[in-house]
Amino acid sequence: MFKFIIILISITSFNALAAEKVKLGVLGNVGTDGFFSPTVTSFIIQKVEPNSPAEKAGIVAGQKIISIENCKIPGCPASEAKELMRKESGEILQLLLENEDGSQVPLKIPMNAW
């Protein structure tokens, strides 16, 4: 019984040390094309969550994401875009945004828990 408790404590401790996945904190309207291997055709920010990495980086509703880690939109495979957006706390997410006036904004967003 004692060995079981020590093993259980060890497993719990290792899980606490595991890297935490962090979300950007945006809600968007994402357009895709294709069925078996869809690609992202558009990603328009609809809402930015308060205190999120997105809000801290200055992202606002109405902006378009036109590149995620140099994967261009339109054309970025949806599965790749999803994987590129998954960052752990402490990692940097690179986005290229387009404002409603057509100007582009490159961002390097530190991903931290919020």
C-alpha atoms as a PDB file:
ATOM      1  CA  MET A   1       0.000   0.000   0.000  1.00  0.00           C
ATOM      2  CA  PHE A   2       2.816   2.426   0.871  1.00  0.00           C
ATOM      3  CA  LYS A   3       4.472   1.875  -2.538  1.00  0.00           C
ATOM      4  CA  PHE A   4       1.185   2.681  -4.271  1.00  0.00           C
ATOM      5  CA  ILE A   5       0.875   5.996  -2.413  1.00  0.00           C
ATOM      6  CA  ILE A   6       4.440   7.017  -3.323  1.00  0.00           C
ATOM      7  CA  ILE A   7       3.836   6.125  -6.969  1.00  0.00           C
ATOM      8  CA  LEU A   8       0.586   8.103  -6.944  1.00  0.00           C
ATOM      9  CA  ILE A   9       2.339  11.139  -5.423  1.00  0.00           C
ATOM     10  CA  SER A  10       5.135  10.874  -8.010  1.00  0.00           C
ATOM     11  CA  ILE A  11       2.680  10.767 -10.914  1.00  0.00           C
ATOM     12  CA  THR A  12       0.785  13.759  -9.545  1.00  0.00           C
ATOM     13  CA  SER A  13       4.019  15.723  -9.121  1.00  0.00           C
ATOM     14  CA  PHE A  14       5.191  14.977 -12.659  1.00  0.00           C
ATOM     15  CA  ASN A  15       1.838  16.120 -14.064  1.00  0.00           C
ATOM     16  CA  ALA A  16       2.176  19.410 -12.187  1.00  0.00           C
ATOM     17  CA  LEU A  17       5.535  19.967 -13.884  1.00  0.00           C
ATOM     18  CA  ALA A  18       4.174  19.262 -17.363  1.00  0.00           C
ATOM     19  CA  ALA A  19       4.040  22.274 -19.683  1.00  0.00           C
ATOM     20  CA  GLU A  20       0.699  24.044 -19.754  1.00  0.00           C
ATOM     21  CA  LYS A  21      -0.969  24.704 -23.109  1.00  0.00           C
ATOM     22  CA  VAL A  22      -2.112  28.299 -23.411  1.00  0.00           C
ATOM     23  CA  LYS A  23      -4.825  29.694 -25.647  1.00  0.00           C
ATOM     24  CA  LEU A  24      -4.513  32.979 -27.514  1.00  0.00           C
ATOM     25  CA  GLY A  25      -7.850  34.282 -26.237  1.00  0.00           C
ATOM     26  CA  VAL A  26      -9.672  35.160 -29.447  1.00  0.00           C
ATOM     27  CA  LEU A  27     -12.958  34.110 -30.924  1.00  0.00           C
ATOM     28  CA  GLY A  28     -12.956  34.242 -34.689  1.00  0.00           C
ATOM     29  CA  ASN A  29     -14.868  33.558 -37.845  1.00  0.00           C
ATOM     30  CA  VAL A  30     -12.743  30.992 -39.684  1.00  0.00           C
ATOM     31  CA  GLY A  31     -13.424  30.136 -43.319  1.00  0.00           C
ATOM     32  CA  THR A  32     -12.171  26.862 -44.774  1.00  0.00           C
ATOM     33  CA  ASP A  33     -12.148  25.173 -48.150  1.00  0.00           C
ATOM     34  CA  GLY A  34     -11.977  21.435 -48.789  1.00  0.00           C
ATOM     35  CA  PHE A  35     -13.289  18.326 -47.086  1.00  0.00           C
ATOM     36  CA  PHE A  36     -10.514  15.755 -46.628  1.00  0.00           C
ATOM     37  CA  SER A  37      -7.633  18.237 -46.285  1.00  0.00           C
ATOM     38  CA  PRO A  38      -9.251  21.630 -45.617  1.00  0.00           C
ATOM     39  CA  THR A  39      -7.289  24.844 -45.883  1.00  0.00           C
ATOM     40  CA  VAL A  40      -7.991  28.070 -44.013  1.00  0.00           C
ATOM     41  CA  THR A  41      -9.332  30.727 -46.385  1.00  0.00           C
ATOM     42  CA  SER A  42      -9.951  33.458 -43.799  1.00  0.00           C
ATOM     43  CA  PHE A  43      -9.667  34.152 -40.068  1.00  0.00           C
ATOM     44  CA  ILE A  44     -11.403  37.302 -38.827  1.00  0.00           C
ATOM     45  CA  ILE A  45     -11.181  38.165 -35.122  1.00  0.00           C
ATOM     46  CA  GLN A  46     -14.690  38.553 -33.663  1.00  0.00           C
ATOM     47  CA  LYS A  47     -13.906  38.876 -29.939  1.00  0.00           C
ATOM     48  CA  VAL A  48     -10.813  39.230 -27.752  1.00  0.00           C
ATOM     49  CA  GLU A  49     -10.979  37.823 -24.212  1.00  0.00           C
ATOM     50  CA  PRO A  50     -10.041  40.210 -21.376  1.00  0.00           C
ATOM     51  CA  ASN A  51      -6.531  39.728 -19.903  1.00  0.00           C
ATOM     52  CA  SER A  52      -5.654  37.190 -22.617  1.00  0.00           C
ATOM     53  CA  PRO A  53      -2.331  37.098 -24.486  1.00  0.00           C
ATOM     54  CA  ALA A  54      -4.258  38.498 -27.493  1.00  0.00           C
ATOM     55  CA  GLU A  55      -5.556  41.512 -25.568  1.00  0.00           C
ATOM     56  CA  LYS A  56      -2.125  42.170 -24.051  1.00  0.00           C
ATOM     57  CA  ALA A  57      -0.613  42.111 -27.574  1.00  0.00           C
ATOM     58  CA  GLY A  58      -3.145  44.681 -28.829  1.00  0.00           C
ATOM     59  CA  ILE A  59      -5.304  42.423 -31.019  1.00  0.00           C
ATOM     60  CA  VAL A  60      -8.769  43.883 -31.637  1.00  0.00           C
ATOM     61  CA  ALA A  61     -12.006  42.645 -33.162  1.00  0.00           C
ATOM     62  CA  GLY A  62     -12.170  43.134 -36.927  1.00  0.00           C
ATOM     63  CA  GLN A  63      -8.537  42.305 -37.620  1.00  0.00           C
ATOM     64  CA  LYS A  64      -7.721  39.411 -39.965  1.00  0.00           C
ATOM     65  CA  ILE A  65      -5.028  36.858 -39.270  1.00  0.00           C
ATOM     66  CA  ILE A  66      -3.154  36.538 -42.578  1.00  0.00           C
ATOM     67  CA  SER A  67      -0.233  34.434 -41.355  1.00  0.00           C
ATOM     68  CA  ILE A  68       0.367  32.060 -38.432  1.00  0.00           C
ATOM     69  CA  GLU A  69       4.060  31.284 -37.947  1.00  0.00           C
ATOM     70  CA  ASN A  70       4.637  32.084 -41.673  1.00  0.00           C
ATOM     71  CA  CYS A  71       1.794  29.784 -42.808  1.00  0.00           C
ATOM     72  CA  LYS A  72      -0.142  32.143 -45.129  1.00  0.00           C
ATOM     73  CA  ILE A  73      -3.916  32.563 -45.006  1.00  0.00           C
ATOM     74  CA  PRO A  74      -5.554  31.817 -47.381  1.00  0.00           C
ATOM     75  CA  GLY A  75      -3.869  28.507 -48.054  1.00  0.00           C
ATOM     76  CA  CYS A  76      -2.620  27.292 -44.688  1.00  0.00           C
ATOM     77  CA  PRO A  77      -3.775  23.701 -44.059  1.00  0.00           C
ATOM     78  CA  ALA A  78      -6.341  23.772 -41.231  1.00  0.00           C
ATOM     79  CA  SER A  79      -4.580  20.996 -39.312  1.00  0.00           C
ATOM     80  CA  GLU A  80      -1.275  22.891 -39.495  1.00  0.00           C
ATOM     81  CA  ALA A  81      -2.879  26.182 -38.437  1.00  0.00           C
ATOM     82  CA  LYS A  82      -4.459  24.479 -35.440  1.00  0.00           C
ATOM     83  CA  GLU A  83      -1.150  22.917 -34.416  1.00  0.00           C
ATOM     84  CA  LEU A  84       0.767  26.194 -34.881  1.00  0.00           C
ATOM     85  CA  MET A  85      -1.692  28.009 -32.574  1.00  0.00           C
ATOM     86  CA  ARG A  86      -1.074  25.498 -29.766  1.00  0.00           C
ATOM     87  CA  LYS A  87       1.641  26.995 -27.652  1.00  0.00           C
ATOM     88  CA  GLU A  88       2.910  26.272 -24.192  1.00  0.00           C
ATOM     89  CA  SER A  89       3.356  28.905 -21.533  1.00  0.00           C
ATOM     90  CA  GLY A  90       6.559  30.798 -22.234  1.00  0.00           C
ATOM     91  CA  GLU A  91       6.555  30.203 -26.004  1.00  0.00           C
ATOM     92  CA  ILE A  92       6.135  32.947 -28.616  1.00  0.00           C
ATOM     93  CA  LEU A  93       3.376  32.938 -31.251  1.00  0.00           C
ATOM     94  CA  GLN A  94       4.109  34.884 -34.440  1.00  0.00           C
ATOM     95  CA  LEU A  95       1.106  36.326 -36.258  1.00  0.00           C
ATOM     96  CA  LEU A  96       0.691  38.720 -39.152  1.00  0.00           C
ATOM     97  CA  LEU A  97      -2.572  40.648 -38.873  1.00  0.00           C
ATOM     98  CA  GLU A  98      -4.359  42.905 -41.320  1.00  0.00           C
ATOM     99  CA  ASN A  99      -6.327  45.899 -40.078  1.00  0.00           C
ATOM    100  CA  GLU A 100      -9.598  46.972 -41.648  1.00  0.00           C
ATOM    101  CA  ASP A 101      -7.711  49.739 -43.538  1.00  0.00           C
ATOM    102  CA  GLY A 102      -5.418  47.125 -45.156  1.00  0.00           C
ATOM    103  CA  SER A 103      -2.315  47.907 -43.094  1.00  0.00           C
ATOM    104  CA  GLN A 104      -0.422  44.906 -41.741  1.00  0.00           C
ATOM    105  CA  VAL A 105       0.712  44.346 -38.164  1.00  0.00           C
ATOM    106  CA  PRO A 106       3.376  41.723 -37.340  1.00  0.00           C
ATOM    107  CA  LEU A 107       3.126  40.447 -33.757  1.00  0.00           C
ATOM    108  CA  LYS A 108       5.251  38.219 -31.545  1.00  0.00           C
ATOM    109  CA  ILE A 109       2.954  37.220 -28.705  1.00  0.00           C
ATOM    110  CA  PRO A 110       4.354  35.743 -25.483  1.00  0.00           C
ATOM    111  CA  MET A 111       1.975  32.976 -24.481  1.00  0.00           C
ATOM    112  CA  ASN A 112       1.334  33.017 -20.757  1.00  0.00           C
ATOM    113  CA  ALA A 113      -1.458  31.626 -18.631  1.00  0.00           C
ATOM    114  CA  TRP A 114      -4.260  34.115 -17.912  1.00  0.00           C
END
